[in-house]
Every structure is written in structure tokens, then in C-alpha cells.
Amino acid sequence: MAEAEGEGYEGKVAVAAVIYNRARNPRWWGLTIKDVCLTSKQFSAWNDDSARRNKIGEWSLEHKVFRDCFRAAIDAYDRDPTGGADHYFAHGIVHPPWAEGFHVRIIGNHTFLRRYV
């Protein structure tokens, strides 16, 4: 959940929901939650060149961000605030060309999209 560590709680739930949505609808991104998270260049916190990737291993229940993300992941299992999104992008980047025509909703600092039905 390092992808959403700077988001409010609803933003954390939304990012977790995208991971669940992908795992529930397997495609090129993998068949399991682990596969979805580790598919190359899909979740930047898991990229080999990510400074945050090493930080993930240091997290524990003593860290507030980890606790919040853990709760959000549990909450997202039964509640999807994204409307079924399987992609998202941060507002700080230029609107990516692949996102045209797939807008679902904005939550926190991300736009969530459903590209596959």
C-alpha cells in the first residue's frame, strides 16, 4: 500500500480496491493479489528501482501508515469506492493517453478508471 501512503483513508481503500478488482478479473496483470502487485511497472512502490520498495519491508503494526493501509485493504475487500476501477493515475502527472474515455471517479489525489469489463 505504499502507493497510497500519502492518501486519506478513502484513497487508501480505493487503491486497495483496484488491486482486488484486478485479482477478481485476471488478465495480463496476473491471477493473484501478489501477482497484481508485482507485475512490472504497475504499482510503482513495487518496482525494482523504487526507493519505497525497501521501506515496505520495514513496516509493522507499530507504524500508523501501515495500520491505516492494513485496515483499508481489509475494508476494500467488501467495499469498492472506485466503481470497479482496474486502473488509476496520480493527479500530479499528465493525463496519460491510455486513460482517455475511461474516467470513473476521482478519490483523493488519484483518478480511477475501469478499462475492462
C-alpha atoms as a PDB file:
ATOM      1  CA  MET A   1       0.000   0.000   0.000  1.00  0.00           C
ATOM      2  CA  ALA A   2       2.974   2.306  -0.317  1.00  0.00           C
ATOM      3  CA  GLU A   3       1.193   3.546  -3.436  1.00  0.00           C
ATOM      4  CA  ALA A   4      -1.350   5.277  -1.190  1.00  0.00           C
ATOM      5  CA  GLU A   5       0.655   6.115   1.919  1.00  0.00           C
ATOM      6  CA  GLY A   6       0.092   9.856   1.393  1.00  0.00           C
ATOM      7  CA  GLU A   7      -3.651   9.495   0.755  1.00  0.00           C
ATOM      8  CA  GLY A   8      -6.509   9.843   3.182  1.00  0.00           C
ATOM      9  CA  TYR A   9      -8.276   6.698   4.299  1.00  0.00           C
ATOM     10  CA  GLU A  10     -10.719   6.625   1.358  1.00  0.00           C
ATOM     11  CA  GLY A  11      -7.817   6.967  -1.077  1.00  0.00           C
ATOM     12  CA  LYS A  12      -6.110   4.006   0.556  1.00  0.00           C
ATOM     13  CA  VAL A  13      -9.300   1.942   0.276  1.00  0.00           C
ATOM     14  CA  ALA A  14      -9.586   2.939  -3.391  1.00  0.00           C
ATOM     15  CA  VAL A  15      -6.050   1.810  -4.279  1.00  0.00           C
ATOM     16  CA  ALA A  16      -6.616  -1.498  -2.469  1.00  0.00           C
ATOM     17  CA  ALA A  17      -9.903  -1.896  -4.378  1.00  0.00           C
ATOM     18  CA  VAL A  18      -8.040  -1.621  -7.703  1.00  0.00           C
ATOM     19  CA  ILE A  19      -5.762  -4.462  -6.612  1.00  0.00           C
ATOM     20  CA  TYR A  20      -8.757  -6.591  -5.596  1.00  0.00           C
ATOM     21  CA  ASN A  21     -10.588  -5.725  -8.822  1.00  0.00           C
ATOM     22  CA  ARG A  22      -7.619  -6.874 -10.868  1.00  0.00           C
ATOM     23  CA  ALA A  23      -7.273 -10.119  -8.910  1.00  0.00           C
ATOM     24  CA  ARG A  24     -11.008 -10.787  -9.273  1.00  0.00           C
ATOM     25  CA  ASN A  25     -10.780 -10.223 -13.037  1.00  0.00           C
ATOM     26  CA  PRO A  26      -7.473 -11.834 -14.047  1.00  0.00           C
ATOM     27  CA  ARG A  27      -5.848 -10.538 -17.202  1.00  0.00           C
ATOM     28  CA  TRP A  28      -2.280  -9.691 -18.195  1.00  0.00           C
ATOM     29  CA  TRP A  29      -1.648  -8.306 -14.709  1.00  0.00           C
ATOM     30  CA  GLY A  30      -1.799 -11.714 -13.015  1.00  0.00           C
ATOM     31  CA  LEU A  31      -4.060 -14.128 -11.212  1.00  0.00           C
ATOM     32  CA  THR A  32      -3.479 -13.297  -7.550  1.00  0.00           C
ATOM     33  CA  ILE A  33      -3.117 -10.240  -5.345  1.00  0.00           C
ATOM     34  CA  LYS A  34       0.629 -10.883  -5.180  1.00  0.00           C
ATOM     35  CA  ASP A  35       0.855 -11.180  -8.982  1.00  0.00           C
ATOM     36  CA  VAL A  36      -1.132  -7.983  -9.421  1.00  0.00           C
ATOM     37  CA  CYS A  37       1.099  -6.023  -7.039  1.00  0.00           C
ATOM     38  CA  LEU A  38       4.359  -7.326  -8.509  1.00  0.00           C
ATOM     39  CA  THR A  39       3.536  -7.051 -12.228  1.00  0.00           C
ATOM     40  CA  SER A  40       6.248  -4.862 -13.720  1.00  0.00           C
ATOM     41  CA  LYS A  41       5.560  -1.129 -13.817  1.00  0.00           C
ATOM     42  CA  GLN A  42       2.002  -1.358 -12.497  1.00  0.00           C
ATOM     43  CA  PHE A  43       2.432  -0.237  -8.882  1.00  0.00           C
ATOM     44  CA  SER A  44       5.479   1.985  -8.605  1.00  0.00           C
ATOM     45  CA  ALA A  45       6.168   1.134  -4.970  1.00  0.00           C
ATOM     46  CA  TRP A  46       6.980  -2.432  -6.075  1.00  0.00           C
ATOM     47  CA  ASN A  47       9.256  -1.502  -8.982  1.00  0.00           C
ATOM     48  CA  ASP A  48      12.829  -2.727  -8.600  1.00  0.00           C
ATOM     49  CA  ASP A  49      14.132   0.851  -8.802  1.00  0.00           C
ATOM     50  CA  SER A  50      11.693   2.234  -6.213  1.00  0.00           C
ATOM     51  CA  ALA A  51      13.144   3.746  -3.050  1.00  0.00           C
ATOM     52  CA  ARG A  52       9.839   2.924  -1.339  1.00  0.00           C
ATOM     53  CA  ARG A  53      10.169  -0.799  -2.063  1.00  0.00           C
ATOM     54  CA  ASN A  54      12.857  -1.236   0.591  1.00  0.00           C
ATOM     55  CA  LYS A  55      10.793   0.783   3.041  1.00  0.00           C
ATOM     56  CA  ILE A  56       7.863  -1.652   2.746  1.00  0.00           C
ATOM     57  CA  GLY A  57       9.839  -4.405   4.469  1.00  0.00           C
ATOM     58  CA  GLU A  58      10.368  -2.127   7.475  1.00  0.00           C
ATOM     59  CA  TRP A  59       6.683  -1.552   8.107  1.00  0.00           C
ATOM     60  CA  SER A  60       4.933  -3.175  11.039  1.00  0.00           C
ATOM     61  CA  LEU A  61       1.807  -2.630  13.121  1.00  0.00           C
ATOM     62  CA  GLU A  62       3.763  -0.042  15.122  1.00  0.00           C
ATOM     63  CA  HIS A  63       3.678   2.269  12.082  1.00  0.00           C
ATOM     64  CA  LYS A  64       0.481   4.294  11.699  1.00  0.00           C
ATOM     65  CA  VAL A  65       0.664   4.299   7.889  1.00  0.00           C
ATOM     66  CA  PHE A  66       0.930   0.503   7.871  1.00  0.00           C
ATOM     67  CA  ARG A  67      -2.035   0.149  10.250  1.00  0.00           C
ATOM     68  CA  ASP A  68      -4.129   2.531   8.150  1.00  0.00           C
ATOM     69  CA  CYS A  69      -3.223   0.708   4.927  1.00  0.00           C
ATOM     70  CA  PHE A  70      -3.886  -2.675   6.525  1.00  0.00           C
ATOM     71  CA  ARG A  71      -7.366  -1.533   7.644  1.00  0.00           C
ATOM     72  CA  ALA A  72      -8.026  -0.035   4.208  1.00  0.00           C
ATOM     73  CA  ALA A  73      -7.083  -3.305   2.493  1.00  0.00           C
ATOM     74  CA  ILE A  74      -9.500  -5.206   4.711  1.00  0.00           C
ATOM     75  CA  ASP A  75     -12.223  -2.611   4.127  1.00  0.00           C
ATOM     76  CA  ALA A  76     -11.687  -2.700   0.342  1.00  0.00           C
ATOM     77  CA  TYR A  77     -12.359  -6.424   0.246  1.00  0.00           C
ATOM     78  CA  ASP A  78     -16.086  -5.744   0.779  1.00  0.00           C
ATOM     79  CA  ARG A  79     -16.389  -2.104  -0.302  1.00  0.00           C
ATOM     80  CA  ASP A  80     -15.228  -0.609  -3.584  1.00  0.00           C
ATOM     81  CA  PRO A  81     -15.415   3.199  -3.676  1.00  0.00           C
ATOM     82  CA  THR A  82     -13.984   3.227  -7.221  1.00  0.00           C
ATOM     83  CA  GLY A  83     -16.975   1.728  -9.016  1.00  0.00           C
ATOM     84  CA  GLY A  84     -14.992  -1.245 -10.269  1.00  0.00           C
ATOM     85  CA  ALA A  85     -11.806   0.528 -11.366  1.00  0.00           C
ATOM     86  CA  ASP A  86      -8.885  -1.574 -12.518  1.00  0.00           C
ATOM     87  CA  HIS A  87      -6.527   1.351 -13.200  1.00  0.00           C
ATOM     88  CA  TYR A  88      -5.673   4.699 -11.664  1.00  0.00           C
ATOM     89  CA  PHE A  89      -3.216   7.526 -12.051  1.00  0.00           C
ATOM     90  CA  ALA A  90      -1.993  10.332  -9.820  1.00  0.00           C
ATOM     91  CA  HIS A  91      -3.139  13.880 -10.478  1.00  0.00           C
ATOM     92  CA  GLY A  92       0.450  15.127 -10.459  1.00  0.00           C
ATOM     93  CA  ILE A  93       1.166  13.536 -13.847  1.00  0.00           C
ATOM     94  CA  VAL A  94      -0.065  14.485 -17.292  1.00  0.00           C
ATOM     95  CA  HIS A  95      -3.321  12.720 -18.156  1.00  0.00           C
ATOM     96  CA  PRO A  96      -1.996   9.500 -19.737  1.00  0.00           C
ATOM     97  CA  PRO A  97      -3.187   8.702 -23.274  1.00  0.00           C
ATOM     98  CA  TRP A  98      -4.332   5.197 -22.257  1.00  0.00           C
ATOM     99  CA  ALA A  99      -6.821   6.776 -19.822  1.00  0.00           C
ATOM    100  CA  GLU A 100      -8.896   8.584 -22.454  1.00  0.00           C
ATOM    101  CA  GLY A 101     -12.575   7.715 -22.286  1.00  0.00           C
ATOM    102  CA  PHE A 102     -12.327   5.549 -19.177  1.00  0.00           C
ATOM    103  CA  HIS A 103     -12.911   8.030 -16.329  1.00  0.00           C
ATOM    104  CA  VAL A 104     -14.777   6.507 -13.402  1.00  0.00           C
ATOM    105  CA  ARG A 105     -14.171   8.813 -10.451  1.00  0.00           C
ATOM    106  CA  ILE A 106     -11.712  10.954  -8.542  1.00  0.00           C
ATOM    107  CA  ILE A 107     -10.790   9.984  -4.987  1.00  0.00           C
ATOM    108  CA  GLY A 108      -8.097  11.881  -3.156  1.00  0.00           C
ATOM    109  CA  ASN A 109      -5.144  12.563  -5.430  1.00  0.00           C
ATOM    110  CA  HIS A 110      -5.972   9.847  -7.981  1.00  0.00           C
ATOM    111  CA  THR A 111      -8.330   9.337 -10.904  1.00  0.00           C
ATOM    112  CA  PHE A 112      -9.725   5.805 -11.019  1.00  0.00           C
ATOM    113  CA  LEU A 113     -10.765   4.103 -14.257  1.00  0.00           C
ATOM    114  CA  ARG A 114     -12.295   0.860 -15.387  1.00  0.00           C
ATOM    115  CA  ARG A 115     -10.768  -0.237 -18.687  1.00  0.00           C
ATOM    116  CA  TYR A 116     -12.002  -3.825 -18.753  1.00  0.00           C
ATOM    117  CA  VAL A 117     -15.500  -5.155 -18.161  1.00  0.00           C
END
